[in-house]
PDB file of N, CA and C in Angstrom:
ATOM      1  N   MET A   1     126.655 115.957  89.920  1.00  0.00           N
ATOM      2  CA  MET A   1     126.928 115.720  88.518  1.00  0.00           C
ATOM      3  C   MET A   1     126.559 116.950  87.737  1.00  0.00           C
ATOM      4  N   GLY A   2     125.476 117.542  88.033  1.00  0.00           N
ATOM      5  CA  GLY A   2     124.957 118.764  87.470  1.00  0.00           C
ATOM      6  C   GLY A   2     125.315 119.087  86.035  1.00  0.00           C
ATOM      7  N   GLY A   3     124.311 119.322  85.229  1.00  0.00           N
ATOM      8  CA  GLY A   3     124.500 119.848  83.898  1.00  0.00           C
ATOM      9  C   GLY A   3     124.822 118.846  82.799  1.00  0.00           C
ATOM     10  N   ILE A   4     125.014 117.606  83.112  1.00  0.00           N
ATOM     11  CA  ILE A   4     125.303 116.632  82.060  1.00  0.00           C
ATOM     12  C   ILE A   4     124.019 116.350  81.284  1.00  0.00           C
ATOM     13  N   THR A   5     124.139 116.290  79.981  1.00  0.00           N
ATOM     14  CA  THR A   5     122.968 116.003  79.159  1.00  0.00           C
ATOM     15  C   THR A   5     122.739 114.501  79.085  1.00  0.00           C
ATOM     16  N   LYS A   6     121.538 114.138  78.710  1.00  0.00           N
ATOM     17  CA  LYS A   6     121.199 112.734  78.541  1.00  0.00           C
ATOM     18  C   LYS A   6     122.128 112.089  77.508  1.00  0.00           C
ATOM     19  N   GLU A   7     122.388 112.803  76.428  1.00  0.00           N
ATOM     20  CA  GLU A   7     123.237 112.278  75.363  1.00  0.00           C
ATOM     21  C   GLU A   7     124.672 112.058  75.837  1.00  0.00           C
ATOM     22  N   GLU A   8     125.199 112.992  76.620  1.00  0.00           N
ATOM     23  CA  GLU A   8     126.560 112.857  77.142  1.00  0.00           C
ATOM     24  C   GLU A   8     126.637 111.712  78.148  1.00  0.00           C
ATOM     25  N   PHE A   9     125.644 111.601  79.000  1.00  0.00           N
ATOM     26  CA  PHE A   9     125.599 110.505  79.962  1.00  0.00           C
ATOM     27  C   PHE A   9     125.606 109.172  79.213  1.00  0.00           C
ATOM     28  N   TYR A  10     124.761 109.068  78.221  1.00  0.00           N
ATOM     29  CA  TYR A  10     124.659 107.844  77.425  1.00  0.00           C
ATOM     30  C   TYR A  10     125.988 107.522  76.742  1.00  0.00           C
ATOM     31  N   ARG A  11     126.589 108.499  76.108  1.00  0.00           N
ATOM     32  CA  ARG A  11     127.849 108.289  75.391  1.00  0.00           C
ATOM     33  C   ARG A  11     128.931 107.777  76.337  1.00  0.00           C
ATOM     34  N   ARG A  12     129.047 108.426  77.473  1.00  0.00           N
ATOM     35  CA  ARG A  12     130.092 108.048  78.431  1.00  0.00           C
ATOM     36  C   ARG A  12     129.805 106.699  79.098  1.00  0.00           C
ATOM     37  N   PHE A  13     128.532 106.409  79.396  1.00  0.00           N
ATOM     38  CA  PHE A  13     128.152 105.113  79.965  1.00  0.00           C
ATOM     39  C   PHE A  13     128.519 103.997  78.995  1.00  0.00           C
ATOM     40  N   LYS A  14     128.130 104.150  77.741  1.00  0.00           N
ATOM     41  CA  LYS A  14     128.391 103.130  76.733  1.00  0.00           C
ATOM     42  C   LYS A  14     129.893 102.933  76.525  1.00  0.00           C
ATOM     43  N   ALA A  15     130.634 104.027  76.462  1.00  0.00           N
ATOM     44  CA  ALA A  15     132.087 103.938  76.290  1.00  0.00           C
ATOM     45  C   ALA A  15     132.729 103.199  77.461  1.00  0.00           C
ATOM     46  N   ARG A  16     132.283 103.484  78.674  1.00  0.00           N
ATOM     47  CA  ARG A  16     132.836 102.813  79.853  1.00  0.00           C
ATOM     48  C   ARG A  16     132.453 101.334  79.872  1.00  0.00           C
ATOM     49  N   MET A  17     131.228 101.024  79.512  1.00  0.00           N
ATOM     50  CA  MET A  17     130.805  99.622  79.451  1.00  0.00           C
ATOM     51  C   MET A  17     131.702  98.834  78.497  1.00  0.00           C
ATOM     52  N   ILE A  18     131.986  99.403  77.345  1.00  0.00           N
ATOM     53  CA  ILE A  18     132.837  98.722  76.366  1.00  0.00           C
ATOM     54  C   ILE A  18     134.273  98.638  76.880  1.00  0.00           C
ATOM     55  N   ALA A  19     134.749  99.695  77.515  1.00  0.00           N
ATOM     56  CA  ALA A  19     136.123  99.707  78.029  1.00  0.00           C
ATOM     57  C   ALA A  19     136.346  98.630  79.088  1.00  0.00           C
ATOM     58  N   ILE A  20     135.364  98.383  79.939  1.00  0.00           N
ATOM     59  CA  ILE A  20     135.567  97.420  81.028  1.00  0.00           C
ATOM     60  C   ILE A  20     135.107  96.012  80.682  1.00  0.00           C
ATOM     61  N   ASN A  21     134.312  95.864  79.617  1.00  0.00           N
ATOM     62  CA  ASN A  21     133.785  94.546  79.258  1.00  0.00           C
ATOM     63  C   ASN A  21     134.269  94.030  77.913  1.00  0.00           C
ATOM     64  N   GLY A  22     134.837  94.902  77.090  1.00  0.00           N
ATOM     65  CA  GLY A  22     135.163  94.517  75.721  1.00  0.00           C
ATOM     66  C   GLY A  22     133.951  94.696  74.826  1.00  0.00           C
ATOM     67  N   GLU A  23     134.081  94.295  73.584  1.00  0.00           N
ATOM     68  CA  GLU A  23     132.996  94.474  72.606  1.00  0.00           C
ATOM     69  C   GLU A  23     131.841  93.494  72.826  1.00  0.00           C
ATOM     70  N   ARG A  24     132.172  92.310  73.372  1.00  0.00           N
ATOM     71  CA  ARG A  24     131.147  91.275  73.576  1.00  0.00           C
ATOM     72  C   ARG A  24     131.304  90.635  74.953  1.00  0.00           C
ATOM     73  N   PHE A  25     130.159  90.251  75.523  1.00  0.00           N
ATOM     74  CA  PHE A  25     130.172  89.467  76.748  1.00  0.00           C
ATOM     75  C   PHE A  25     130.565  88.037  76.403  1.00  0.00           C
ATOM     76  N   ALA A  26     130.868  87.265  77.422  1.00  0.00           N
ATOM     77  CA  ALA A  26     131.266  85.867  77.223  1.00  0.00           C
ATOM     78  C   ALA A  26     130.189  85.062  76.490  1.00  0.00           C
ATOM     79  N   ASP A  27     128.938  85.441  76.659  1.00  0.00           N
ATOM     80  CA  ASP A  27     127.850  84.713  76.002  1.00  0.00           C
ATOM     81  C   ASP A  27     127.628  85.148  74.557  1.00  0.00           C
ATOM     82  N   GLY A  28     128.461  86.080  74.068  1.00  0.00           N
ATOM     83  CA  GLY A  28     128.381  86.520  72.674  1.00  0.00           C
ATOM     84  C   GLY A  28     127.560  87.775  72.437  1.00  0.00           C
ATOM     85  N   ARG A  29     126.797  88.203  73.434  1.00  0.00           N
ATOM     86  CA  ARG A  29     126.001  89.426  73.252  1.00  0.00           C
ATOM     87  C   ARG A  29     126.908  90.638  73.137  1.00  0.00           C
ATOM     88  N   GLU A  30     126.508  91.584  72.312  1.00  0.00           N
ATOM     89  CA  GLU A  30     127.274  92.814  72.164  1.00  0.00           C
ATOM     90  C   GLU A  30     127.054  93.734  73.364  1.00  0.00           C
ATOM     91  N   VAL A  31     128.155  94.209  73.919  1.00  0.00           N
ATOM     92  CA  VAL A  31     128.106  95.102  75.076  1.00  0.00           C
ATOM     93  C   VAL A  31     127.375  96.393  74.712  1.00  0.00           C
ATOM     94  N   ALA A  32     127.604  96.915  73.519  1.00  0.00           N
ATOM     95  CA  ALA A  32     126.952  98.162  73.100  1.00  0.00           C
ATOM     96  C   ALA A  32     125.434  98.026  73.121  1.00  0.00           C
ATOM     97  N   ASP A  33     124.931  96.883  72.649  1.00  0.00           N
ATOM     98  CA  ASP A  33     123.481  96.665  72.651  1.00  0.00           C
ATOM     99  C   ASP A  33     122.950  96.588  74.080  1.00  0.00           C
ATOM    100  N   TYR A  34     123.687  95.891  74.937  1.00  0.00           N
ATOM    101  CA  TYR A  34     123.291  95.792  76.342  1.00  0.00           C
ATOM    102  C   TYR A  34     123.276  97.182  76.979  1.00  0.00           C
ATOM    103  N   ALA A  35     124.299  97.974  76.702  1.00  0.00           N
ATOM    104  CA  ALA A  35     124.383  99.326  77.261  1.00  0.00           C
ATOM    105  C   ALA A  35     123.208 100.183  76.808  1.00  0.00           C
ATOM    106  N   ASP A  36     122.793 100.016  75.551  1.00  0.00           N
ATOM    107  CA  ASP A  36     121.640 100.767  75.035  1.00  0.00           C
ATOM    108  C   ASP A  36     120.412 100.553  75.898  1.00  0.00           C
ATOM    109  N   ASP A  37     120.233  99.335  76.375  1.00  0.00           N
ATOM    110  CA  ASP A  37     119.073  99.014  77.212  1.00  0.00           C
ATOM    111  C   ASP A  37     119.274  99.410  78.672  1.00  0.00           C
ATOM    112  N   ALA A  38     120.478  99.196  79.192  1.00  0.00           N
ATOM    113  CA  ALA A  38     120.739  99.400  80.617  1.00  0.00           C
ATOM    114  C   ALA A  38     120.872 100.865  81.024  1.00  0.00           C
ATOM    115  N   VAL A  39     121.347 101.702  80.154  1.00  0.00           N
ATOM    116  CA  VAL A  39     121.687 103.084  80.522  1.00  0.00           C
ATOM    117  C   VAL A  39     120.503 103.857  81.084  1.00  0.00           C
ATOM    118  N   TRP A  40     119.331 103.634  80.565  1.00  0.00           N
ATOM    119  CA  TRP A  40     118.190 104.453  80.970  1.00  0.00           C
ATOM    120  C   TRP A  40     117.766 104.168  82.389  1.00  0.00           C
ATOM    121  N   ARG A  41     118.012 102.979  82.868  1.00  0.00           N
ATOM    122  CA  ARG A  41     117.714 102.652  84.266  1.00  0.00           C
ATOM    123  C   ARG A  41     118.505 103.576  85.198  1.00  0.00           C
ATOM    124  N   TYR A  42     119.720 103.885  84.826  1.00  0.00           N
ATOM    125  CA  TYR A  42     120.568 104.765  85.637  1.00  0.00           C
ATOM    126  C   TYR A  42     120.198 106.235  85.426  1.00  0.00           C
ATOM    127  N   TRP A  43     119.960 106.618  84.198  1.00  0.00           N
ATOM    128  CA  TRP A  43     119.609 108.006  83.899  1.00  0.00           C
ATOM    129  C   TRP A  43     118.315 108.403  84.606  1.00  0.00           C
ATOM    130  N   ASP A  44     117.361 107.501  84.645  1.00  0.00           N
ATOM    131  CA  ASP A  44     116.035 107.805  85.196  1.00  0.00           C
ATOM    132  C   ASP A  44     115.988 107.831  86.719  1.00  0.00           C
ATOM    133  N   THR A  45     117.068 107.460  87.374  1.00  0.00           N
ATOM    134  CA  THR A  45     117.121 107.463  88.832  1.00  0.00           C
ATOM    135  C   THR A  45     118.104 108.543  89.284  1.00  0.00           C
ATOM    136  N   ASP A  46     117.575 109.609  89.904  1.00  0.00           N
ATOM    137  CA  ASP A  46     118.384 110.785  90.234  1.00  0.00           C
ATOM    138  C   ASP A  46     119.677 110.460  90.964  1.00  0.00           C
ATOM    139  N   TRP A  47     119.609 109.662  92.028  1.00  0.00           N
ATOM    140  CA  TRP A  47     120.814 109.424  92.824  1.00  0.00           C
ATOM    141  C   TRP A  47     121.848 108.622  92.033  1.00  0.00           C
ATOM    142  N   GLN A  48     121.382 107.750  91.149  1.00  0.00           N
ATOM    143  CA  GLN A  48     122.337 107.000  90.326  1.00  0.00           C
ATOM    144  C   GLN A  48     122.939 107.907  89.260  1.00  0.00           C
ATOM    145  N   ARG A  49     122.099 108.702  88.620  1.00  0.00           N
ATOM    146  CA  ARG A  49     122.585 109.649  87.609  1.00  0.00           C
ATOM    147  C   ARG A  49     123.620 110.575  88.227  1.00  0.00           C
ATOM    148  N   ASP A  50     123.398 110.993  89.458  1.00  0.00           N
ATOM    149  CA  ASP A  50     124.326 111.897  90.133  1.00  0.00           C
ATOM    150  C   ASP A  50     125.687 111.255  90.403  1.00  0.00           C
ATOM    151  N   GLN A  51     125.749 109.925  90.408  1.00  0.00           N
ATOM    152  CA  GLN A  51     127.028 109.231  90.594  1.00  0.00           C
ATOM    153  C   GLN A  51     127.919 109.362  89.360  1.00  0.00           C
ATOM    154  N   GLY A  52     127.308 109.619  88.221  1.00  0.00           N
ATOM    155  CA  GLY A  52     128.047 109.757  86.967  1.00  0.00           C
ATOM    156  C   GLY A  52     127.979 108.490  86.133  1.00  0.00           C
ATOM    157  N   PRO A  53     128.129 108.637  84.827  1.00  0.00           N
ATOM    158  CA  PRO A  53     127.976 107.491  83.924  1.00  0.00           C
ATOM    159  C   PRO A  53     129.035 106.407  84.119  1.00  0.00           C
ATOM    160  N   GLU A  54     130.250 106.796  84.424  1.00  0.00           N
ATOM    161  CA  GLU A  54     131.308 105.807  84.622  1.00  0.00           C
ATOM    162  C   GLU A  54     131.046 104.964  85.867  1.00  0.00           C
ATOM    163  N   ALA A  55     130.644 105.612  86.948  1.00  0.00           N
ATOM    164  CA  ALA A  55     130.328 104.879  88.177  1.00  0.00           C
ATOM    165  C   ALA A  55     129.135 103.951  87.948  1.00  0.00           C
ATOM    166  N   CYS A  56     128.178 104.384  87.174  1.00  0.00           N
ATOM    167  CA  CYS A  56     127.017 103.541  86.879  1.00  0.00           C
ATOM    168  C   CYS A  56     127.431 102.333  86.041  1.00  0.00           C
ATOM    169  N   ALA A  57     128.301 102.537  85.075  1.00  0.00           N
ATOM    170  CA  ALA A  57     128.789 101.415  84.265  1.00  0.00           C
ATOM    171  C   ALA A  57     129.579 100.440  85.129  1.00  0.00           C
ATOM    172  N   ASP A  58     130.383 100.970  86.035  1.00  0.00           N
ATOM    173  CA  ASP A  58     131.130 100.104  86.950  1.00  0.00           C
ATOM    174  C   ASP A  58     130.175  99.298  87.833  1.00  0.00           C
ATOM    175  N   ALA A  59     129.112  99.939  88.315  1.00  0.00           N
ATOM    176  CA  ALA A  59     128.124  99.249  89.145  1.00  0.00           C
ATOM    177  C   ALA A  59     127.405  98.175  88.333  1.00  0.00           C
ATOM    178  N   GLU A  60     127.141  98.459  87.094  1.00  0.00           N
ATOM    179  CA  GLU A  60     126.486  97.480  86.220  1.00  0.00           C
ATOM    180  C   GLU A  60     127.381  96.257  86.037  1.00  0.00           C
ATOM    181  N   LYS A  61     128.664  96.491  85.864  1.00  0.00           N
ATOM    182  CA  LYS A  61     129.626  95.383  85.741  1.00  0.00           C
ATOM    183  C   LYS A  61     129.627  94.550  87.017  1.00  0.00           C
ATOM    184  N   GLU A  62     129.660  95.224  88.146  1.00  0.00           N
ATOM    185  CA  GLU A  62     129.674  94.531  89.439  1.00  0.00           C
ATOM    186  C   GLU A  62     128.384  93.741  89.641  1.00  0.00           C
ATOM    187  N   GLU A  63     127.270  94.326  89.259  1.00  0.00           N
ATOM    188  CA  GLU A  63     125.971  93.671  89.412  1.00  0.00           C
ATOM    189  C   GLU A  63     125.884  92.416  88.545  1.00  0.00           C
ATOM    190  N   ARG A  64     126.440  92.483  87.357  1.00  0.00           N
ATOM    191  CA  ARG A  64     126.421  91.316  86.451  1.00  0.00           C
ATOM    192  C   ARG A  64     127.349  90.220  86.956  1.00  0.00           C
ATOM    193  N   GLY A  65     128.399  90.596  87.663  1.00  0.00           N
ATOM    194  CA  GLY A  65     129.310  89.650  88.296  1.00  0.00           C
ATOM    195  C   GLY A  65     129.825  88.576  87.368  1.00  0.00           C
ATOM    196  N   GLU A  66     129.693  87.339  87.808  1.00  0.00           N
ATOM    197  CA  GLU A  66     130.249  86.204  87.089  1.00  0.00           C
ATOM    198  C   GLU A  66     129.525  85.908  85.802  1.00  0.00           C
ATOM    199  N   GLU A  67     128.403  86.526  85.580  1.00  0.00           N
ATOM    200  CA  GLU A  67     127.659  86.343  84.347  1.00  0.00           C
ATOM    201  C   GLU A  67     128.545  86.657  83.133  1.00  0.00           C
ATOM    202  N   ASP A  68     129.477  87.601  83.309  1.00  0.00           N
ATOM    203  CA  ASP A  68     130.350  88.030  82.212  1.00  0.00           C
ATOM    204  C   ASP A  68     131.490  87.060  81.966  1.00  0.00           C
ATOM    205  N   GLU A  69     131.789  86.240  82.937  1.00  0.00           N
ATOM    206  CA  GLU A  69     132.988  85.397  82.840  1.00  0.00           C
ATOM    207  C   GLU A  69     132.694  84.039  82.248  1.00  0.00           C
TER     208      GLU A  69
END
């Protein structure tokens, strides 16, 4: 991944989360707010950060699974 800033990672993670989930989850929570909390878990882990923000957002969607539906 090399050279991506924390701010760029965050921006792209949040944008991808919204793109794949919409503005709100099925339970009414705002995706942007959820992304604000979730992003740092990925940023703080080197191997996850190296996967890139989009891959991390995709993994977050997969991890949440049916919770979103």
